[in-house]
C-alpha cells in the first residue's frame, strides 16, 4: 500500500462513510435560531423591509485581505534578504510596485474612499 492509494481511494471512501454515518445518526431538530440567516446581519422577521446592502463594506474587506496577503508574501523576502541576492530583491520590488499601482488605481476609481461610507451610513 502506497501513499497514492490512500490519497485517491481510501480517503474519499472514508469521507463518504463518515458523512453517511453523520446523516444517519445525527439529531435533526431545527428551530428558529438555527434556520435564521444570521450571516447577513439582519434579523429574520416576517414582513421585514430591508434597505439595500452597501457593497462598499465587502470591497474594503476584500482589499484588506489582498494587502494583508501582500505583507505575508513580503515577510519571507525581508527575512532572507541576504540569501536572495539582487535577483530576489528585484523580484520583491517589482511585486511591491505592481501592488502599489493597483492600490493607486483603487483609490482613483473610488473603490476605497471615506465618502462612500459616509454616504451609505446617511442613507439609513
Protein backbone atom coordinates (compact mmCIF):
# COMPACT_ATOMS: atom_id res chain seq x y z
CA UNK A 1 0.00 0.00 0.00
CA UNK A 2 1.47 3.28 -1.02
CA UNK A 3 0.51 6.87 -0.36
CA UNK A 4 -1.22 7.26 -3.71
CA UNK A 5 -3.68 4.51 -2.78
CA UNK A 6 -4.63 6.33 0.40
CA UNK A 7 -4.92 9.67 -1.34
CA UNK A 8 -7.06 8.58 -4.27
CA UNK A 9 -9.08 5.61 -2.98
CA UNK A 10 -9.14 5.24 0.78
CA UNK A 11 -9.59 8.88 1.89
CA UNK A 12 -12.66 9.65 -0.31
CA UNK A 13 -14.29 6.35 0.70
CA UNK A 14 -13.65 7.12 4.38
CA UNK A 15 -15.04 10.65 3.95
CA UNK A 16 -18.27 9.36 2.37
CA UNK A 17 -18.67 6.69 5.06
CA UNK A 18 -18.27 9.27 7.83
CA UNK A 19 -20.72 11.66 6.13
CA UNK A 20 -23.24 8.84 5.79
CA UNK A 21 -22.88 7.90 9.46
CA UNK A 22 -23.39 11.55 10.39
CA UNK A 23 -26.57 11.81 8.30
CA UNK A 24 -27.98 8.59 9.77
CA UNK A 25 -27.12 9.17 13.44
CA UNK A 26 -27.20 12.94 13.91
CA UNK A 27 -30.16 14.52 15.66
CA UNK A 28 -32.02 16.93 13.37
CA UNK A 29 -34.12 19.42 15.34
CA UNK A 30 -34.11 22.80 13.58
CA UNK A 31 -35.51 25.74 15.48
CA UNK A 32 -35.97 29.42 14.63
CA UNK A 33 -32.45 30.39 15.70
CA UNK A 34 -30.78 27.65 13.67
CA UNK A 35 -32.57 28.35 10.41
CA UNK A 36 -32.32 32.15 10.59
CA UNK A 37 -29.91 33.92 8.25
CA UNK A 38 -27.52 35.20 10.90
CA UNK A 39 -24.62 35.71 8.49
CA UNK A 40 -26.18 38.68 6.73
CA UNK A 41 -26.62 40.78 9.87
CA UNK A 42 -30.38 41.23 9.51
CA UNK A 43 -32.98 39.78 11.85
CA UNK A 44 -35.19 37.11 10.35
CA UNK A 45 -38.53 38.80 10.96
CA UNK A 46 -41.54 38.21 8.73
CA UNK A 47 -42.63 41.13 6.50
CA UNK A 48 -39.41 42.98 7.22
CA UNK A 49 -38.50 45.76 4.82
CA UNK A 50 -34.77 45.76 4.27
CA UNK A 51 -32.65 48.53 2.90
CA UNK A 52 -30.19 47.64 0.17
CA UNK A 53 -26.86 46.39 1.42
CA UNK A 54 -23.94 48.65 0.51
CA UNK A 55 -21.28 46.66 -1.33
CA UNK A 56 -18.52 49.08 -0.28
CA UNK A 57 -18.05 47.27 3.01
CA UNK A 58 -17.33 43.99 1.25
CA UNK A 59 -14.98 45.68 -1.22
CA UNK A 60 -12.93 47.14 1.62
CA UNK A 61 -12.81 43.74 3.33
CA UNK A 62 -11.55 42.08 0.15
CA UNK A 63 -8.97 44.80 -0.41
CA UNK A 64 -7.81 44.38 3.18
CA UNK A 65 -7.29 40.68 2.55
CA UNK A 66 -5.33 41.38 -0.64
CA UNK A 67 -2.99 43.86 1.01
CA UNK A 68 -2.71 41.74 4.14
CA UNK A 69 -1.55 38.83 1.98
CA UNK A 70 0.97 41.17 0.39
CA UNK A 71 2.64 41.54 3.76
CA UNK A 72 2.59 37.78 4.29
CA UNK A 73 4.34 37.29 0.95
CA UNK A 74 6.90 40.04 1.55
CA UNK A 75 7.83 38.92 5.07
CA UNK A 76 9.88 35.84 3.97
CA UNK A 77 11.69 38.03 1.45
CA UNK A 78 12.60 40.51 4.17
CA UNK A 79 13.83 37.75 6.48
CA UNK A 80 16.02 36.10 3.81
CA UNK A 81 17.17 39.26 2.06
CA UNK A 82 20.85 38.39 2.45
CA UNK A 83 20.39 34.99 0.81
CA UNK A 84 18.21 36.03 -2.16
CA UNK A 85 20.78 38.48 -3.58
CA UNK A 86 19.90 41.19 -6.06
CA UNK A 87 17.60 38.96 -8.15
CA UNK A 88 15.28 38.26 -5.22
CA UNK A 89 15.37 41.91 -4.21
CA UNK A 90 14.41 42.95 -7.75
CA UNK A 91 11.50 40.49 -7.82
CA UNK A 92 10.32 41.81 -4.44
CA UNK A 93 10.48 45.41 -5.64
CA UNK A 94 8.55 44.54 -8.83
CA UNK A 95 5.90 42.76 -6.72
CA UNK A 96 5.62 45.77 -4.43
CA UNK A 97 5.39 48.22 -7.37
CA UNK A 98 2.59 46.21 -9.05
CA UNK A 99 0.58 46.16 -5.81
CA UNK A 100 1.20 49.86 -5.26
CA UNK A 101 -0.07 50.65 -8.76
CA UNK A 102 -3.16 48.54 -8.04
CA UNK A 103 -3.72 50.40 -4.78
CA UNK A 104 -3.44 53.77 -6.54
CA UNK A 105 -5.93 52.63 -9.21
CA UNK A 106 -8.39 51.52 -6.50
CA UNK A 107 -8.18 54.90 -4.80
CA UNK A 108 -8.57 56.67 -8.15
CA UNK A 109 -11.62 54.64 -9.14
CA UNK A 110 -13.30 55.41 -5.83
CA UNK A 111 -13.41 51.82 -4.56
CA UNK A 112 -11.67 52.98 -1.39
CA UNK A 113 -12.89 56.26 -0.03
CA UNK A 114 -14.35 57.69 3.12
CA UNK A 115 -17.13 59.44 1.21
CA UNK A 116 -18.60 56.05 0.20
CA UNK A 117 -19.04 55.05 3.84
CA UNK A 118 -20.37 58.43 4.88
CA UNK A 119 -22.98 58.35 2.10
CA UNK A 120 -24.02 54.77 2.85
CA UNK A 121 -24.45 55.45 6.57
CA UNK A 122 -26.54 58.58 5.88
CA UNK A 123 -28.95 56.64 3.64
CA UNK A 124 -30.32 54.58 6.53
